[in-house]
Amino acid sequence: MTASTDSVRPVTLTEWLAASPDARQRALGATREHIARTDPSVHAWVRVAPQPPTRSGPLDGVPFGVKDILDTAGLPTEFGSPLYAGRRTDADAPIVSALRERGAIVLGKTHTAAFAYRAPAPTRNPRNLAHTPGGSSSGSAAVVAADMVPFATGTQTLGSVVRPASFCGVTGFKATHGLLGFDGVLPCAKSLDTLGFFTHTAADMLALWDALGHPTGTASEADAIAFAAPDPLPDLEPPMAAAFGATIARLRAAGVDVRGVDVARLLADLAAAASTVMFYEGARFHEDRYRAFGDKLDDLAALVRQGLATTKEQYEAARHTISAARTRMAETFAATPVVLVPAAPGPAPYSLASTGDARMNSPWTALGTPAISIPMPVGDALPLGLQLVSAPGEDARVLRAGARLERILAATKT
């Protein structure tokens, strides 16, 4: 779809930004009608209740969804749990405030796995309703994939932005750890928790990053870099292994410099270390909640029990593994500034019983790197994402690189 005429509802953020103010106003009504028709089968929204912007800015009149662990003035923030039904705060989380100050409209709150952990939300994958959309940012990925809003907020402690983006066939970006403040957001593990966003395309994500006032670099900076890709590949499901291999071959055929790098063992070690850190820190943050609610917390109760059984020595060993890997990856990034890896082990699993496996994402979360997932060409199959990562602080570079590869893959699609 395009926004070249006011009669066409914009879908992508780029289209919304190209629309006139009057067209954006009319599009908001059409968007709510689309949600009313679509969400009864997708179940992505906790509630739709638009909250106005606080100022005018580059996102004037653009609606977005807020994951239900981010405080939002005027709306309940319930952490995806009936134990916190009706919970309200008086202030927006800073990231929500920043978006509203730039003219964006909070359209409502999106479903999350309970406490942003594992217990699945009711949300279904818009690409195939029988499959999970991923977690924990399930609702935020789905509202974008179902064309309900041009962007939505998410969070990632292991893989909760990049993996749902891959499963739902949209773009997901998590920033460098600590770059975006986590105030007003339900934490789990302070060493890992990171804010992120969902958009339709990498070009949209770049536009959103710019609207938030962050540096975006130049196109030439993205063009003049070498990429790395795992060789050998980590353990993947056949559809992902085939799609990733074909995508790398397509990029090389288009003149992109992609060099092999042996990181399979490193990724496995980092995934294990990230899990240990999450359990240890998450248990200690949620311990009082567990004392109050016990097994009513479902999966979170198991996290607390396992985390409290994790010793300080095990935690420190995991932190040492991450530190050593950070040093090694700094050398890799010096030679190849962006690394290309699968965004998930495979396509979205069948059923809503599991939100999927985060082992392709958690290593980069542990290292604190920026990461973006863009859809790979897979025809009519379930979506699969290509993940791009770079050194901490290189958010602009990874966004630019994602937009560049997105254009190349679109131009070479068969």
Protein backbone atom coordinates (compact mmCIF):
# COMPACT_ATOMS: atom_id res chain seq x y z
CA MET A 1 0.00 0.00 0.00
CA THR A 2 1.04 3.62 -0.41
CA ALA A 3 -0.02 6.91 1.11
CA SER A 4 0.07 8.81 -2.19
CA THR A 5 -3.64 9.59 -1.87
CA ASP A 6 -5.70 10.36 1.20
CA SER A 7 -8.09 7.55 0.33
CA VAL A 8 -5.47 4.87 1.04
CA ARG A 9 -4.78 3.92 4.65
CA PRO A 10 -1.07 4.09 5.38
CA VAL A 11 0.44 0.94 6.86
CA THR A 12 4.20 1.32 7.18
CA LEU A 13 5.76 4.13 9.20
CA THR A 14 7.24 5.57 6.01
CA GLU A 15 3.73 5.79 4.56
CA TRP A 16 2.35 7.41 7.70
CA LEU A 17 5.11 10.01 7.66
CA ALA A 18 4.43 10.77 3.98
CA ALA A 19 0.69 11.30 4.58
CA SER A 20 -0.80 14.74 5.16
CA PRO A 21 -2.02 15.69 8.64
CA ASP A 22 -5.64 15.35 7.52
CA ALA A 23 -4.91 11.95 5.98
CA ARG A 24 -3.29 10.78 9.22
CA GLN A 25 -6.35 11.84 11.16
CA ARG A 26 -8.67 9.93 8.85
CA ALA A 27 -6.31 6.97 8.84
CA LEU A 28 -6.58 6.67 12.60
CA GLY A 29 -10.29 5.91 12.29
CA ALA A 30 -9.66 3.41 9.50
CA THR A 31 -6.96 1.79 11.61
CA ARG A 32 -9.35 1.26 14.49
CA GLU A 33 -11.88 -0.30 12.11
CA HIS A 34 -9.15 -2.61 10.81
CA ILE A 35 -8.28 -3.61 14.39
CA ALA A 36 -11.92 -4.31 15.17
CA ARG A 37 -12.06 -6.70 12.21
CA THR A 38 -8.66 -8.32 12.71
CA ASP A 39 -7.85 -8.57 16.40
CA PRO A 40 -10.65 -11.00 17.39
CA SER A 41 -8.61 -13.71 15.64
CA VAL A 42 -5.12 -12.43 16.49
CA HIS A 43 -5.64 -11.32 20.12
CA ALA A 44 -2.71 -8.91 20.08
CA TRP A 45 -4.23 -6.10 22.16
CA VAL A 46 -4.93 -6.04 25.87
CA ARG A 47 -6.98 -2.93 25.22
CA VAL A 48 -7.32 -0.26 22.58
CA ALA A 49 -7.83 3.15 24.18
CA PRO A 50 -5.98 5.97 22.39
CA GLN A 51 -3.96 8.35 24.54
CA PRO A 52 -3.14 11.70 22.91
CA PRO A 53 0.35 13.04 22.29
CA THR A 54 1.76 15.54 24.76
CA ARG A 55 3.47 17.71 22.14
CA SER A 56 3.78 18.13 18.39
CA GLY A 57 6.71 16.62 16.54
CA PRO A 58 7.93 14.40 13.71
CA LEU A 59 5.52 11.57 14.64
CA ASP A 60 2.38 13.73 14.73
CA GLY A 61 -0.74 11.59 14.58
CA VAL A 62 1.13 8.28 14.20
CA PRO A 63 -0.35 5.48 16.38
CA PHE A 64 1.74 2.87 18.14
CA GLY A 65 1.36 -0.05 20.53
CA VAL A 66 2.95 -0.32 23.97
CA LYS A 67 4.02 -3.64 25.47
CA ASP A 68 2.13 -4.24 28.69
CA ILE A 69 5.18 -4.00 30.93
CA LEU A 70 5.83 -0.33 30.07
CA ASP A 71 4.08 2.18 32.31
CA THR A 72 1.59 4.30 30.39
CA ALA A 73 -0.28 7.18 31.99
CA GLY A 74 -4.03 6.78 31.52
CA LEU A 75 -3.90 3.02 30.90
CA PRO A 76 -3.38 0.02 33.17
CA THR A 77 -0.04 -1.76 32.98
CA GLU A 78 -0.73 -5.30 34.15
CA PHE A 79 2.47 -7.23 33.28
CA GLY A 80 0.44 -9.81 31.38
CA SER A 81 -0.87 -11.24 34.64
CA PRO A 82 -4.34 -11.30 36.23
CA LEU A 83 -2.57 -10.80 39.56
CA TYR A 84 -1.99 -7.19 38.51
CA ALA A 85 -5.33 -6.50 36.85
CA GLY A 86 -6.11 -2.79 36.91
CA ARG A 87 -2.64 -1.73 38.05
CA ARG A 88 -2.04 1.93 37.13
CA THR A 89 0.73 4.49 37.41
CA ASP A 90 0.60 8.26 37.00
CA ALA A 91 3.52 8.61 34.58
CA ASP A 92 4.71 7.23 31.28
CA ALA A 93 7.89 5.23 31.03
CA PRO A 94 10.50 7.59 29.55
CA ILE A 95 10.43 5.89 26.14
CA VAL A 96 6.64 6.23 25.98
CA SER A 97 6.97 9.84 27.06
CA ALA A 98 9.58 10.49 24.36
CA LEU A 99 7.28 9.12 21.66
CA ARG A 100 4.26 11.11 22.87
CA GLU A 101 6.39 14.25 23.02
CA ARG A 102 7.13 13.73 19.33
CA GLY A 103 3.44 13.63 18.47
CA ALA A 104 2.79 9.89 18.48
CA ILE A 105 -0.50 8.47 19.77
CA VAL A 106 -0.53 5.56 22.21
CA LEU A 107 -3.21 3.40 20.61
CA GLY A 108 -3.25 0.86 23.43
CA LYS A 109 -1.41 -1.87 25.32
CA THR A 110 -0.20 -5.05 23.63
CA HIS A 111 -0.13 -8.54 25.11
CA THR A 112 3.04 -9.91 26.68
CA ALA A 113 4.02 -13.21 28.17
CA ALA A 114 3.30 -12.97 31.90
CA PHE A 115 5.98 -10.79 33.53
CA ALA A 116 7.74 -10.83 30.14
CA TYR A 117 8.92 -14.36 30.83
CA ARG A 118 7.64 -17.61 29.30
CA ALA A 119 3.92 -18.15 30.01
CA PRO A 120 2.44 -17.48 26.55
CA ALA A 121 -0.02 -14.67 25.95
CA PRO A 122 -3.19 -15.41 23.95
CA THR A 123 -1.73 -13.73 20.86
CA ARG A 124 -1.56 -15.68 17.62
CA ASN A 125 0.85 -15.29 14.72
CA PRO A 126 -0.84 -13.19 12.00
CA ARG A 127 1.12 -15.10 9.32
CA ASN A 128 -0.42 -18.39 10.47
CA LEU A 129 -2.83 -18.37 13.38
CA ALA A 130 -1.91 -21.93 14.37
CA HIS A 131 1.65 -20.87 15.22
CA THR A 132 3.19 -18.85 18.04
CA PRO A 133 4.13 -15.21 17.38
CA GLY A 134 7.04 -15.67 19.78
CA GLY A 135 7.52 -14.02 23.14
CA SER A 136 7.61 -12.17 25.29
CA SER A 137 6.78 -9.20 23.04
CA SER A 138 4.14 -11.25 21.25
CA GLY A 139 1.43 -8.62 20.99
CA SER A 140 3.79 -5.91 19.78
CA ALA A 141 5.16 -8.08 16.98
CA ALA A 142 1.66 -9.15 15.98
CA VAL A 143 0.09 -5.68 15.84
CA VAL A 144 2.74 -4.66 13.32
CA ALA A 145 2.57 -7.91 11.34
CA ALA A 146 -1.22 -7.58 11.11
CA ASP A 147 -0.93 -3.98 9.84
CA MET A 148 -2.69 -2.59 12.92
CA VAL A 149 -0.04 0.03 13.71
CA PRO A 150 3.18 1.16 12.00
CA PHE A 151 5.33 0.47 15.06
CA ALA A 152 5.25 -0.88 18.59
CA THR A 153 7.55 -1.06 21.60
CA GLY A 154 9.11 -4.25 22.93
CA THR A 155 11.72 -5.45 25.39
CA GLN A 156 14.38 -8.14 25.22
CA THR A 157 16.04 -10.01 28.07
CA LEU A 158 17.08 -13.01 25.97
CA GLY A 159 15.33 -12.88 22.58
CA SER A 160 11.98 -11.19 23.10
CA VAL A 161 12.22 -8.65 20.25
CA VAL A 162 14.35 -10.25 17.56
CA ARG A 163 12.75 -13.71 17.73
CA PRO A 164 9.09 -12.54 17.47
CA ALA A 165 10.11 -10.30 14.58
CA SER A 166 11.55 -13.32 12.79
CA PHE A 167 8.48 -15.45 13.50
CA CYS A 168 6.02 -12.76 12.38
CA GLY A 169 7.92 -11.53 9.33
CA VAL A 170 8.54 -7.96 10.49
CA THR A 171 11.57 -5.93 11.50
CA GLY A 172 12.64 -6.00 15.15
CA PHE A 173 15.42 -3.89 16.64
CA LYS A 174 16.96 -3.97 20.11
CA ALA A 175 19.27 -1.11 20.99
CA THR A 176 22.66 -1.27 22.66
CA HIS A 177 22.18 -2.30 26.28
CA GLY A 178 21.69 0.77 28.48
CA LEU A 179 21.29 3.23 25.60
CA LEU A 180 17.55 3.58 26.20
CA GLY A 181 16.58 3.97 29.85
CA PHE A 182 14.60 1.14 31.41
CA ASP A 183 12.82 3.29 34.00
CA GLY A 184 9.09 2.64 34.13
CA VAL A 185 9.56 -0.82 32.62
CA LEU A 186 9.21 -4.10 34.52
CA PRO A 187 12.76 -5.48 34.81
CA CYS A 188 13.97 -9.04 34.98
CA ALA A 189 17.77 -9.08 34.69
CA LYS A 190 19.46 -5.69 34.77
CA SER A 191 22.53 -6.96 32.90
CA LEU A 192 20.35 -8.05 29.96
CA ASP A 193 17.09 -6.04 29.86
CA THR A 194 16.95 -3.89 26.72
CA LEU A 195 14.30 -1.80 24.98
CA GLY A 196 13.41 -2.32 21.33
CA PHE A 197 10.85 -1.70 18.61
CA PHE A 198 8.93 -3.42 15.82
CA THR A 199 8.32 -1.89 12.39
CA HIS A 200 7.45 -3.30 8.99
CA THR A 201 10.84 -2.58 7.40
CA ALA A 202 14.39 -1.62 8.29
CA ALA A 203 13.81 1.68 6.46
CA ASP A 204 10.91 2.31 8.87
CA MET A 205 13.14 1.50 11.84
CA LEU A 206 15.75 3.94 10.62
CA ALA A 207 13.04 6.63 10.31
CA LEU A 208 11.79 5.88 13.83
CA TRP A 209 15.32 6.06 15.26
CA ASP A 210 15.79 9.41 13.55
CA ALA A 211 12.45 10.70 14.86
CA LEU A 212 13.60 9.82 18.38
CA GLY A 213 16.62 12.06 17.88
CA HIS A 214 19.30 9.39 17.62
CA PRO A 215 22.16 9.54 15.09
CA THR A 216 21.51 7.50 11.97
CA GLY A 217 24.80 7.83 10.11
CA THR A 218 25.09 7.97 6.33
CA ALA A 219 24.39 5.50 3.56
CA SER A 220 28.07 5.46 2.57
CA GLU A 221 29.00 4.21 6.04
CA ALA A 222 26.77 1.18 5.52
CA ASP A 223 28.08 0.53 2.01
CA ALA A 224 31.78 0.46 2.86
CA ILE A 225 31.86 -2.38 5.39
CA ALA A 226 32.54 -6.10 5.39
CA PHE A 227 30.10 -8.55 6.94
CA ALA A 228 30.73 -11.84 8.69
CA ALA A 229 28.56 -14.95 8.83
CA PRO A 230 28.96 -18.14 10.88
CA ASP A 231 30.99 -20.88 9.19
CA PRO A 232 30.19 -23.55 10.18
CA LEU A 233 26.58 -22.78 10.93
CA PRO A 234 25.25 -23.31 14.45
CA ASP A 235 22.65 -26.03 14.98
CA LEU A 236 19.57 -24.91 13.04
CA GLU A 237 16.32 -26.37 11.80
CA PRO A 238 16.46 -27.27 8.08
CA PRO A 239 14.22 -24.38 6.87
CA MET A 240 16.41 -21.79 8.59
CA ALA A 241 19.67 -23.40 7.49
CA ALA A 242 18.47 -23.44 3.88
CA ALA A 243 17.09 -19.90 3.91
CA PHE A 244 20.14 -18.44 5.66
CA GLY A 245 22.52 -20.16 3.25
CA ALA A 246 20.52 -18.97 0.25
CA THR A 247 20.38 -15.42 1.60
CA ILE A 248 24.14 -15.26 2.16
CA ALA A 249 24.71 -16.61 -1.36
CA ARG A 250 22.32 -14.00 -2.76
CA LEU A 251 24.11 -11.19 -0.96
CA ARG A 252 27.51 -12.37 -2.16
CA ALA A 253 26.20 -12.60 -5.72
CA ALA A 254 25.08 -8.98 -5.39
CA GLY A 255 28.61 -7.92 -4.45
CA VAL A 256 28.29 -7.83 -0.67
CA ASP A 257 31.52 -8.80 1.12
CA VAL A 258 30.48 -11.60 3.51
CA ARG A 259 33.32 -13.49 5.21
CA GLY A 260 33.09 -16.69 7.21
CA VAL A 261 33.79 -16.61 10.94
CA ASP A 262 33.79 -19.54 13.35
CA VAL A 263 31.53 -18.48 16.23
CA ALA A 264 29.33 -21.56 16.71
CA ARG A 265 30.99 -22.62 19.98
CA LEU A 266 31.09 -19.05 21.22
CA LEU A 267 27.35 -18.64 20.62
CA ALA A 268 26.59 -21.83 22.54
CA ASP A 269 28.74 -20.75 25.49
CA LEU A 270 27.16 -17.28 25.52
CA ALA A 271 23.62 -18.66 25.37
CA ALA A 272 24.32 -20.79 28.45
CA ALA A 273 25.92 -17.86 30.26
CA ALA A 274 23.03 -15.52 29.43
CA SER A 275 20.57 -18.05 30.83
CA THR A 276 22.53 -18.29 34.08
CA VAL A 277 22.64 -14.50 34.42
CA MET A 278 18.92 -14.20 33.75
CA PHE A 279 18.00 -16.82 36.34
CA TYR A 280 20.32 -15.39 38.99
CA GLU A 281 19.32 -11.73 38.55
CA GLY A 282 15.68 -12.42 37.75
CA ALA A 283 15.20 -14.56 40.85
CA ARG A 284 16.56 -11.85 43.09
CA PHE A 285 14.45 -9.14 41.51
CA HIS A 286 11.23 -11.20 41.66
CA GLU A 287 11.92 -12.91 45.00
CA ASP A 288 9.53 -10.68 46.99
CA ARG A 289 6.83 -11.22 44.36
CA TYR A 290 7.34 -14.96 44.70
CA ARG A 291 7.04 -14.75 48.48
CA ALA A 292 3.73 -12.93 48.02
CA PHE A 293 2.17 -15.07 45.27
CA GLY A 294 4.07 -18.37 45.15
CA ASP A 295 2.95 -20.76 42.42
CA LYS A 296 0.29 -18.30 41.26
CA LEU A 297 3.18 -16.81 39.27
CA ASP A 298 3.29 -19.97 37.12
CA ASP A 299 6.49 -20.02 35.04
CA LEU A 300 7.95 -17.08 36.93
CA ALA A 301 7.79 -19.10 40.15
CA ALA A 302 9.99 -21.73 38.52
CA LEU A 303 12.44 -19.03 37.44
CA VAL A 304 12.75 -17.77 41.01
CA ARG A 305 13.27 -21.24 42.42
CA GLN A 306 15.93 -22.12 39.86
CA GLY A 307 17.57 -18.72 40.14
CA LEU A 308 17.80 -18.82 43.92
CA ALA A 309 19.49 -22.21 43.58
CA THR A 310 22.08 -20.67 41.25
CA THR A 311 25.20 -19.84 43.26
CA LYS A 312 27.15 -16.62 43.17
CA GLU A 313 30.12 -18.59 41.85
CA GLN A 314 28.06 -19.87 38.91
CA TYR A 315 26.84 -16.33 38.25
CA GLU A 316 30.35 -14.89 38.33
CA ALA A 317 31.60 -17.64 36.02
CA ALA A 318 28.85 -16.77 33.53
CA ARG A 319 29.78 -13.09 33.75
CA HIS A 320 33.42 -14.03 33.08
CA THR A 321 32.39 -16.03 30.00
CA ILE A 322 30.52 -13.00 28.69
CA SER A 323 33.44 -10.67 29.37
CA ALA A 324 35.90 -12.93 27.57
CA ALA A 325 33.52 -13.25 24.61
CA ARG A 326 33.16 -9.49 24.47
CA THR A 327 36.92 -9.18 24.01
CA ARG A 328 36.96 -11.82 21.27
CA MET A 329 34.00 -10.30 19.43
CA ALA A 330 35.64 -6.87 19.54
CA GLU A 331 38.36 -8.33 17.31
CA THR A 332 35.75 -9.78 14.95
CA PHE A 333 33.87 -6.49 14.74
CA ALA A 334 37.14 -4.65 13.99
CA ALA A 335 37.58 -6.77 10.85
CA THR A 336 33.92 -7.24 9.92
CA PRO A 337 31.79 -4.50 11.56
CA VAL A 338 28.47 -6.33 11.13
CA VAL A 339 27.85 -10.02 11.75
CA LEU A 340 24.96 -11.81 10.04
CA VAL A 341 23.32 -14.66 11.97
CA PRO A 342 19.94 -16.39 11.92
CA ALA A 343 17.33 -14.55 14.00
CA ALA A 344 15.91 -17.83 15.35
CA PRO A 345 16.74 -21.55 15.05
CA GLY A 346 13.79 -22.01 12.70
CA PRO A 347 10.27 -20.80 11.88
CA ALA A 348 7.59 -20.16 14.48
CA PRO A 349 6.71 -23.41 16.28
CA TYR A 350 3.26 -24.87 15.81
CA SER A 351 0.74 -24.10 18.59
CA LEU A 352 0.81 -21.48 21.33
CA ALA A 353 2.31 -23.79 23.95
CA SER A 354 5.82 -22.40 23.52
CA THR A 355 7.13 -19.02 22.43
CA GLY A 356 10.25 -20.53 20.85
CA ASP A 357 13.98 -20.77 21.46
CA ALA A 358 16.12 -17.68 22.15
CA ARG A 359 19.58 -19.21 21.63
CA MET A 360 20.22 -17.24 18.42
CA ASN A 361 19.49 -13.98 20.24
CA SER A 362 20.63 -14.33 23.84
CA PRO A 363 24.36 -14.29 23.01
CA TRP A 364 24.06 -10.80 21.55
CA THR A 365 21.83 -9.65 24.38
CA ALA A 366 24.50 -10.81 26.81
CA LEU A 367 27.16 -8.88 24.89
CA GLY A 368 24.97 -5.76 24.88
CA THR A 369 25.16 -5.34 21.12
CA PRO A 370 22.53 -3.66 18.95
CA ALA A 371 20.66 -6.21 16.84
CA ILE A 372 18.08 -6.02 14.06
CA SER A 373 16.09 -8.76 12.34
CA ILE A 374 14.87 -8.27 8.78
CA PRO A 375 12.72 -10.77 6.87
CA MET A 376 14.48 -13.09 4.42
CA PRO A 377 12.85 -14.04 1.10
CA VAL A 378 11.07 -17.34 1.79
CA GLY A 379 8.11 -17.24 -0.58
CA ASP A 380 4.90 -18.58 0.97
CA ALA A 381 6.67 -20.37 3.83
CA LEU A 382 6.54 -19.23 7.44
CA PRO A 383 8.69 -16.11 7.95
CA LEU A 384 12.38 -16.30 8.82
CA GLY A 385 14.57 -13.42 9.91
CA LEU A 386 18.14 -12.39 9.12
CA GLN A 387 19.76 -10.91 12.24
CA LEU A 388 22.45 -8.24 11.99
CA VAL A 389 24.58 -7.37 15.01
CA SER A 390 27.40 -4.93 15.59
CA ALA A 391 29.57 -3.68 18.42
CA PRO A 392 27.90 -1.93 21.37
CA GLY A 393 27.18 1.68 20.47
CA GLU A 394 27.03 0.99 16.73
CA ASP A 395 23.24 1.26 16.55
CA ALA A 396 23.29 3.56 13.53
CA ARG A 397 25.61 1.22 11.67
CA VAL A 398 23.46 -1.86 12.22
CA LEU A 399 20.31 0.05 11.24
CA ARG A 400 21.91 1.39 8.08
CA ALA A 401 23.26 -2.03 7.21
CA GLY A 402 19.84 -3.58 7.74
CA ALA A 403 18.23 -1.05 5.40
CA ARG A 404 20.93 -1.68 2.79
CA LEU A 405 20.57 -5.46 2.86
CA GLU A 406 16.79 -5.11 2.84
CA ARG A 407 17.03 -3.20 -0.44
CA ILE A 408 19.43 -5.73 -1.96
CA LEU A 409 17.25 -8.70 -1.02
CA ALA A 410 14.14 -6.98 -2.40
CA ALA A 411 15.94 -6.24 -5.67
CA THR A 412 17.22 -9.81 -6.06
CA LYS A 413 14.03 -11.61 -4.97
CA THR A 414 13.02 -14.36 -7.37
